[in-house]
């Protein structure tokens, strides 16, 4: 018998944490964009320079649509290059480079959409010349990228742990939980080719090429996995 509330055998399946984070960002983007449009219209009236409402609506709408379309970039970056562990400095450099890719794509697609909509309305859109307009947008895009990455990380971290809690009634050999810091990864024992020590961490070598890190000692992990067929073959493996 099911309760109709939880996931799995107890009811309907809930949205994954990353999807919930995406919905949060989409709602926030819609609210902020609406407020910005109303503010621009009011400010122009106060300055005795009224503007047609559809123009700021196009500015905010095109920016928001493109940002939502690019939100997967900070999601994948914070998942694959976490700012924790022994590679944190290298991963920080990856994120810094990703902000530039994120901003260039945002500006290029946003301007193209604006030019298309303006042309359909019988008008023309001018983004400006030189690097100054892009640098202006880049400052805002760095903040957006950071907020997006933080939202994904927090949502996956807080909700992912609940979603991936081991089932007490399931056999211990069914899966191995790897705590990567920002998420819990569940893998089958036969998917683990090996585990070796890496400073204050251990690195799992998986059959699909992934190498997730977990903050623990090899001795402690070896004791936990001894019942699942794993043996200590070397001081570091």
Protein backbone atom coordinates (compact mmCIF):
# COMPACT_ATOMS: atom_id res chain seq x y z
CA UNK A 1 0.00 0.00 0.00
CA UNK A 2 1.28 3.47 -0.80
CA UNK A 3 0.80 6.81 0.94
CA UNK A 4 0.78 8.85 -2.31
CA UNK A 5 3.26 11.36 -0.92
CA UNK A 6 6.82 10.11 -1.02
CA UNK A 7 8.84 8.78 -3.92
CA UNK A 8 9.65 5.23 -4.90
CA UNK A 9 7.40 2.53 -3.45
CA UNK A 10 5.61 5.02 -1.16
CA UNK A 11 4.17 7.34 -3.83
CA UNK A 12 4.89 9.70 -6.69
CA UNK A 13 8.42 10.64 -7.64
CA UNK A 14 9.44 14.18 -6.68
CA UNK A 15 11.45 16.59 -8.77
CA UNK A 16 15.23 16.19 -8.56
CA UNK A 17 17.05 18.90 -6.55
CA UNK A 18 18.62 20.51 -9.64
CA UNK A 19 15.16 20.96 -11.19
CA UNK A 20 13.85 22.59 -8.02
CA UNK A 21 16.84 24.96 -8.04
CA UNK A 22 16.09 25.79 -11.68
CA UNK A 23 12.48 26.61 -10.84
CA UNK A 24 13.61 28.85 -7.98
CA UNK A 25 15.92 30.75 -10.33
CA UNK A 26 13.22 31.03 -13.03
CA UNK A 27 10.70 32.50 -10.59
CA UNK A 28 13.30 34.90 -9.17
CA UNK A 29 14.29 36.01 -12.69
CA UNK A 30 10.64 36.65 -13.61
CA UNK A 31 9.99 38.68 -10.45
CA UNK A 32 13.18 40.74 -10.75
CA UNK A 33 12.59 41.36 -14.46
CA UNK A 34 9.01 42.54 -13.84
CA UNK A 35 10.14 44.93 -11.09
CA UNK A 36 12.91 46.30 -13.34
CA UNK A 37 10.47 46.95 -16.21
CA UNK A 38 8.05 48.85 -13.95
CA UNK A 39 10.94 50.80 -12.41
CA UNK A 40 12.30 51.90 -15.81
CA UNK A 41 8.85 53.03 -16.97
CA UNK A 42 8.28 55.03 -13.76
CA UNK A 43 11.77 56.57 -13.81
CA UNK A 44 11.34 57.73 -17.41
CA UNK A 45 8.04 59.37 -16.51
CA UNK A 46 9.66 61.17 -13.56
CA UNK A 47 12.48 62.34 -15.87
CA UNK A 48 9.87 63.59 -18.37
CA UNK A 49 11.28 61.12 -20.89
CA UNK A 50 8.46 58.54 -21.18
CA UNK A 51 9.22 55.23 -22.83
CA UNK A 52 6.97 52.59 -24.37
CA UNK A 53 6.62 49.73 -21.90
CA UNK A 54 7.46 47.05 -24.46
CA UNK A 55 11.04 48.29 -24.83
CA UNK A 56 12.20 47.61 -21.23
CA UNK A 57 10.07 44.45 -21.34
CA UNK A 58 12.12 43.27 -24.33
CA UNK A 59 15.38 44.18 -22.57
CA UNK A 60 14.53 42.27 -19.42
CA UNK A 61 12.74 39.43 -21.20
CA UNK A 62 15.54 38.63 -23.63
CA UNK A 63 18.14 38.78 -20.86
CA UNK A 64 16.11 36.52 -18.57
CA UNK A 65 15.32 33.96 -21.28
CA UNK A 66 18.97 33.66 -22.30
CA UNK A 67 20.14 33.44 -18.67
CA UNK A 68 17.72 30.60 -18.01
CA UNK A 69 18.92 28.87 -21.15
CA UNK A 70 22.53 29.15 -19.96
CA UNK A 71 21.86 28.16 -16.34
CA UNK A 72 23.14 24.64 -17.08
CA UNK A 73 26.69 26.04 -17.32
CA UNK A 74 27.10 27.01 -13.63
CA UNK A 75 25.17 23.84 -12.70
CA UNK A 76 27.64 21.57 -14.50
CA UNK A 77 30.61 23.65 -13.39
CA UNK A 78 29.78 23.55 -9.67
CA UNK A 79 29.03 19.83 -9.95
CA UNK A 80 32.19 18.84 -11.82
CA UNK A 81 34.54 21.46 -10.34
CA UNK A 82 33.56 21.88 -6.67
CA UNK A 83 35.27 24.61 -4.63
CA UNK A 84 36.36 22.07 -2.04
CA UNK A 85 38.96 19.34 -1.97
CA UNK A 86 42.58 19.33 -3.08
CA UNK A 87 41.84 20.89 -6.51
CA UNK A 88 39.95 23.93 -5.24
CA UNK A 89 42.38 26.50 -6.71
CA UNK A 90 42.34 24.85 -10.13
CA UNK A 91 38.55 24.62 -9.99
CA UNK A 92 38.31 28.30 -9.03
CA UNK A 93 40.27 29.15 -12.19
CA UNK A 94 37.83 27.01 -14.20
CA UNK A 95 34.90 28.96 -12.75
CA UNK A 96 36.60 32.27 -13.53
CA UNK A 97 37.01 31.21 -17.17
CA UNK A 98 33.43 29.92 -17.23
CA UNK A 99 32.08 33.35 -16.24
CA UNK A 100 33.58 34.82 -19.41
CA UNK A 101 32.06 32.10 -21.60
CA UNK A 102 28.76 32.55 -19.75
CA UNK A 103 28.77 36.33 -20.28
CA UNK A 104 29.84 36.25 -23.94
CA UNK A 105 27.08 33.76 -24.75
CA UNK A 106 24.55 35.80 -22.75
CA UNK A 107 25.39 39.06 -24.50
CA UNK A 108 25.56 37.57 -28.01
CA UNK A 109 22.23 35.74 -27.78
CA UNK A 110 20.51 38.56 -25.89
CA UNK A 111 21.52 41.20 -28.47
CA UNK A 112 20.50 38.92 -31.36
CA UNK A 113 17.03 38.44 -29.85
CA UNK A 114 16.62 42.16 -29.22
CA UNK A 115 17.62 43.04 -32.76
CA UNK A 116 15.14 40.49 -34.13
CA UNK A 117 12.24 41.75 -31.99
CA UNK A 118 13.02 45.39 -32.76
CA UNK A 119 13.17 44.59 -36.48
CA UNK A 120 9.76 42.90 -36.30
CA UNK A 121 8.46 46.05 -34.59
CA UNK A 122 9.87 48.22 -37.42
CA UNK A 123 12.65 49.65 -35.26
CA UNK A 124 16.36 49.03 -34.71
CA UNK A 125 18.33 48.12 -31.60
CA UNK A 126 21.83 49.45 -30.91
CA UNK A 127 23.84 47.67 -28.19
CA UNK A 128 26.78 50.05 -28.48
CA UNK A 129 30.34 49.84 -29.75
CA UNK A 130 33.58 48.74 -28.16
CA UNK A 131 34.17 46.69 -25.01
CA UNK A 132 32.44 49.03 -22.58
CA UNK A 133 28.91 47.62 -23.09
CA UNK A 134 30.18 44.04 -22.67
CA UNK A 135 32.20 44.92 -19.56
CA UNK A 136 29.07 46.53 -18.12
CA UNK A 137 27.14 43.30 -18.74
CA UNK A 138 30.05 41.12 -17.58
CA UNK A 139 30.00 42.65 -14.10
CA UNK A 140 26.35 41.70 -13.76
CA UNK A 141 26.89 38.28 -15.33
CA UNK A 142 29.59 37.38 -12.79
CA UNK A 143 27.05 38.05 -10.04
CA UNK A 144 24.38 36.01 -11.86
CA UNK A 145 26.78 33.10 -12.42
CA UNK A 146 27.79 33.13 -8.74
CA UNK A 147 24.18 33.24 -7.53
CA UNK A 148 23.17 30.47 -9.93
CA UNK A 149 26.05 28.21 -8.89
CA UNK A 150 25.36 28.86 -5.19
CA UNK A 151 21.64 28.15 -5.62
CA UNK A 152 22.32 24.86 -7.39
CA UNK A 153 24.94 23.84 -4.84
CA UNK A 154 22.78 24.65 -1.81
CA UNK A 155 19.65 23.03 -3.20
CA UNK A 156 21.42 19.85 -4.28
CA UNK A 157 23.34 19.71 -1.02
CA UNK A 158 20.32 20.25 1.24
CA UNK A 159 17.74 18.26 -0.71
CA UNK A 160 20.06 15.74 -2.31
CA UNK A 161 21.12 14.33 1.04
CA UNK A 162 17.48 13.59 1.94
CA UNK A 163 16.79 12.10 -1.47
CA UNK A 164 19.86 9.85 -1.31
CA UNK A 165 19.56 8.64 2.27
CA UNK A 166 20.15 4.88 2.29
CA UNK A 167 17.10 2.68 2.77
CA UNK A 168 17.53 0.88 6.10
CA UNK A 169 15.66 -2.15 4.76
CA UNK A 170 17.93 -2.49 1.70
CA UNK A 171 20.91 -4.87 1.83
CA UNK A 172 24.21 -3.12 2.60
CA UNK A 173 25.81 -4.53 -0.55
CA UNK A 174 23.29 -2.92 -2.92
CA UNK A 175 25.17 0.36 -3.25
CA UNK A 176 28.00 2.54 -2.03
CA UNK A 177 27.39 6.17 -1.03
CA UNK A 178 30.19 8.57 -1.97
CA UNK A 179 29.97 11.93 -0.18
CA UNK A 180 31.59 14.43 -2.57
CA UNK A 181 30.86 17.40 -0.29
CA UNK A 182 28.29 19.06 -2.56
CA UNK A 183 26.29 15.89 -3.22
CA UNK A 184 25.93 12.22 -2.38
CA UNK A 185 26.67 9.83 -5.22
CA UNK A 186 25.20 6.32 -5.10
CA UNK A 187 27.05 3.66 -7.11
CA UNK A 188 26.93 -0.12 -7.38
CA UNK A 189 29.89 -1.97 -5.80
CA UNK A 190 30.82 -3.58 -9.12
CA UNK A 191 31.05 -0.10 -10.69
CA UNK A 192 34.06 0.71 -8.46
CA UNK A 193 37.30 -0.42 -10.12
CA UNK A 194 39.48 0.79 -7.27
CA UNK A 195 39.94 3.32 -4.47
CA UNK A 196 43.18 5.05 -3.57
CA UNK A 197 44.40 7.58 -1.04
CA UNK A 198 44.75 11.24 -2.12
CA UNK A 199 45.90 13.37 0.82
CA UNK A 200 42.99 13.88 3.20
CA UNK A 201 40.68 12.34 0.61
CA UNK A 202 40.16 9.04 -1.16
CA UNK A 203 39.53 8.88 -4.89
CA UNK A 204 37.13 6.34 -6.35
CA UNK A 205 37.92 5.01 -9.82
CA UNK A 206 34.59 4.17 -11.49
CA UNK A 207 34.00 2.09 -14.59
CA UNK A 208 32.43 5.06 -16.43
CA UNK A 209 35.59 7.16 -16.10
CA UNK A 210 34.47 9.33 -13.18
CA UNK A 211 36.86 9.86 -10.25
CA UNK A 212 34.84 11.33 -7.35
CA UNK A 213 36.64 12.41 -4.18
CA UNK A 214 35.47 11.75 -0.63
CA UNK A 215 36.96 13.23 2.54
CA UNK A 216 37.88 10.20 4.66
CA UNK A 217 40.78 7.85 5.30
CA UNK A 218 41.50 4.71 3.32
CA UNK A 219 41.65 2.67 6.53
CA UNK A 220 38.21 3.83 7.66
CA UNK A 221 36.68 3.25 4.23
CA UNK A 222 38.33 -0.15 3.90
CA UNK A 223 36.72 -1.28 7.14
CA UNK A 224 33.31 -0.11 5.92
CA UNK A 225 33.60 -1.85 2.55
CA UNK A 226 35.24 -5.07 3.70
CA UNK A 227 31.87 -6.84 3.67
CA UNK A 228 31.30 -5.87 0.04
CA UNK A 229 34.29 -7.72 -1.36
CA UNK A 230 36.93 -4.94 -1.24
CA UNK A 231 40.44 -5.76 -0.04
CA UNK A 232 43.50 -3.63 0.79
CA UNK A 233 46.05 -4.43 -1.91
CA UNK A 234 48.56 -1.67 -1.13
CA UNK A 235 49.19 1.01 1.46
CA UNK A 236 47.54 3.54 -0.86
CA UNK A 237 45.02 1.28 -2.63
